[in-house]
Amino acid sequence: MNEIKALQSMGFVLPSPAYLFGAIVFGLLGMVAFSRGKKTSQPVLTWTGVALMLYPYAISETWLMWSLGIGLSALVFAKWN
């Protein structure tokens, strides 16, 4: 327990369950979009899949991660066919 308090005093905090759930969901959607984009030779779908898989590593705010994830998911939905 002292280790957690020491890490929190240095500025390290654990992500919320909503953040972890979103990172998993958008990562899986990114994998599907990436593989579909490679199979059908659609570069927009491929790179959007890469973005969906990697952006949670760069964003620490939960609301921002969900907003960007929904936007990128809408792009995947629009470019699916």
C-alpha atoms as a PDB file:
ATOM      1  CA  MET A   1       0.000   0.000   0.000  1.00  0.00           C
ATOM      2  CA  ASN A   2       2.892   2.360   0.691  1.00  0.00           C
ATOM      3  CA  GLU A   3       4.203   1.783  -2.837  1.00  0.00           C
ATOM      4  CA  ILE A   4       0.938   3.008  -4.373  1.00  0.00           C
ATOM      5  CA  LYS A   5       0.959   6.140  -2.246  1.00  0.00           C
ATOM      6  CA  ALA A   6       4.599   6.774  -3.139  1.00  0.00           C
ATOM      7  CA  LEU A   7       3.830   6.443  -6.853  1.00  0.00           C
ATOM      8  CA  GLN A   8       0.803   8.727  -6.533  1.00  0.00           C
ATOM      9  CA  SER A   9       2.931  11.355  -4.811  1.00  0.00           C
ATOM     10  CA  MET A  10       5.291  11.261  -7.823  1.00  0.00           C
ATOM     11  CA  GLY A  11       2.360  11.827 -10.199  1.00  0.00           C
ATOM     12  CA  PHE A  12       1.721   8.265 -11.358  1.00  0.00           C
ATOM     13  CA  VAL A  13      -1.928   7.220 -11.257  1.00  0.00           C
ATOM     14  CA  LEU A  14      -3.699   4.151 -12.530  1.00  0.00           C
ATOM     15  CA  PRO A  15      -6.132   4.636 -15.426  1.00  0.00           C
ATOM     16  CA  SER A  16      -9.841   4.394 -14.787  1.00  0.00           C
ATOM     17  CA  PRO A  17     -11.817   1.280 -15.764  1.00  0.00           C
ATOM     18  CA  ALA A  18     -13.569   3.326 -18.477  1.00  0.00           C
ATOM     19  CA  TYR A  19     -10.194   4.204 -19.980  1.00  0.00           C
ATOM     20  CA  LEU A  20      -9.005   0.585 -19.943  1.00  0.00           C
ATOM     21  CA  PHE A  21     -12.260  -0.654 -21.464  1.00  0.00           C
ATOM     22  CA  GLY A  22     -12.105   1.971 -24.214  1.00  0.00           C
ATOM     23  CA  ALA A  23      -8.477   1.204 -25.005  1.00  0.00           C
ATOM     24  CA  ILE A  24      -9.301  -2.493 -25.406  1.00  0.00           C
ATOM     25  CA  VAL A  25     -12.441  -1.885 -27.506  1.00  0.00           C
ATOM     26  CA  PHE A  26     -10.793   0.635 -29.833  1.00  0.00           C
ATOM     27  CA  GLY A  27      -7.658  -1.487 -30.102  1.00  0.00           C
ATOM     28  CA  LEU A  28      -9.701  -4.494 -31.209  1.00  0.00           C
ATOM     29  CA  LEU A  29     -11.660  -2.381 -33.673  1.00  0.00           C
ATOM     30  CA  GLY A  30      -8.357  -1.042 -34.992  1.00  0.00           C
ATOM     31  CA  MET A  31      -7.047  -4.579 -35.531  1.00  0.00           C
ATOM     32  CA  VAL A  32     -10.161  -5.495 -37.514  1.00  0.00           C
ATOM     33  CA  ALA A  33      -9.986  -2.306 -39.587  1.00  0.00           C
ATOM     34  CA  PHE A  34      -6.271  -2.793 -40.245  1.00  0.00           C
ATOM     35  CA  SER A  35      -6.671  -6.368 -41.443  1.00  0.00           C
ATOM     36  CA  ARG A  36      -9.695  -5.451 -43.605  1.00  0.00           C
ATOM     37  CA  GLY A  37      -7.800  -2.506 -45.095  1.00  0.00           C
ATOM     38  CA  LYS A  38      -4.801  -4.659 -45.973  1.00  0.00           C
ATOM     39  CA  LYS A  39      -6.990  -7.379 -47.471  1.00  0.00           C
ATOM     40  CA  THR A  40      -8.988  -4.964 -49.653  1.00  0.00           C
ATOM     41  CA  SER A  41      -6.068  -2.580 -50.399  1.00  0.00           C
ATOM     42  CA  GLN A  42      -7.785   0.437 -48.830  1.00  0.00           C
ATOM     43  CA  PRO A  43      -5.061   2.672 -47.357  1.00  0.00           C
ATOM     44  CA  VAL A  44      -7.513   4.932 -45.489  1.00  0.00           C
ATOM     45  CA  LEU A  45      -8.969   1.947 -43.656  1.00  0.00           C
ATOM     46  CA  THR A  46      -5.508   0.506 -42.979  1.00  0.00           C
ATOM     47  CA  TRP A  47      -4.104   3.713 -41.494  1.00  0.00           C
ATOM     48  CA  THR A  48      -7.257   4.421 -39.523  1.00  0.00           C
ATOM     49  CA  GLY A  49      -6.876   0.956 -38.000  1.00  0.00           C
ATOM     50  CA  VAL A  50      -3.285   1.761 -37.052  1.00  0.00           C
ATOM     51  CA  ALA A  51      -4.425   5.039 -35.502  1.00  0.00           C
ATOM     52  CA  LEU A  52      -7.148   3.273 -33.496  1.00  0.00           C
ATOM     53  CA  MET A  53      -4.620   0.786 -32.143  1.00  0.00           C
ATOM     54  CA  LEU A  54      -1.966   3.338 -31.166  1.00  0.00           C
ATOM     55  CA  TYR A  55      -3.640   6.567 -30.080  1.00  0.00           C
ATOM     56  CA  PRO A  56      -4.615   5.408 -26.541  1.00  0.00           C
ATOM     57  CA  TYR A  57      -0.893   5.305 -25.714  1.00  0.00           C
ATOM     58  CA  ALA A  58      -0.565   9.029 -26.439  1.00  0.00           C
ATOM     59  CA  ILE A  59      -3.737  10.318 -24.738  1.00  0.00           C
ATOM     60  CA  SER A  60      -4.211  10.237 -20.979  1.00  0.00           C
ATOM     61  CA  GLU A  61      -7.653  11.858 -20.614  1.00  0.00           C
ATOM     62  CA  THR A  62     -10.568   9.419 -20.698  1.00  0.00           C
ATOM     63  CA  TRP A  63     -13.061  11.811 -22.308  1.00  0.00           C
ATOM     64  CA  LEU A  64     -10.580  12.712 -25.048  1.00  0.00           C
ATOM     65  CA  MET A  65      -9.781   9.072 -25.744  1.00  0.00           C
ATOM     66  CA  TRP A  66     -13.475   8.215 -26.089  1.00  0.00           C
ATOM     67  CA  SER A  67     -14.183  11.251 -28.302  1.00  0.00           C
ATOM     68  CA  LEU A  68     -11.318  10.517 -30.661  1.00  0.00           C
ATOM     69  CA  GLY A  69     -12.135   6.809 -30.669  1.00  0.00           C
ATOM     70  CA  ILE A  70     -15.746   7.429 -31.632  1.00  0.00           C
ATOM     71  CA  GLY A  71     -14.631   9.777 -34.399  1.00  0.00           C
ATOM     72  CA  LEU A  72     -12.120   7.311 -35.815  1.00  0.00           C
ATOM     73  CA  SER A  73     -14.679   4.511 -35.517  1.00  0.00           C
ATOM     74  CA  ALA A  74     -17.137   6.593 -37.537  1.00  0.00           C
ATOM     75  CA  LEU A  75     -14.470   6.963 -40.225  1.00  0.00           C
ATOM     76  CA  VAL A  76     -13.956   3.185 -40.240  1.00  0.00           C
ATOM     77  CA  PHE A  77     -17.716   2.690 -40.556  1.00  0.00           C
ATOM     78  CA  ALA A  78     -17.894   5.175 -43.449  1.00  0.00           C
ATOM     79  CA  LYS A  79     -14.985   3.582 -45.342  1.00  0.00           C
ATOM     80  CA  TRP A  80     -15.850  -0.074 -44.642  1.00  0.00           C
ATOM     81  CA  ASN A  81     -17.280  -0.861 -48.107  1.00  0.00           C
END
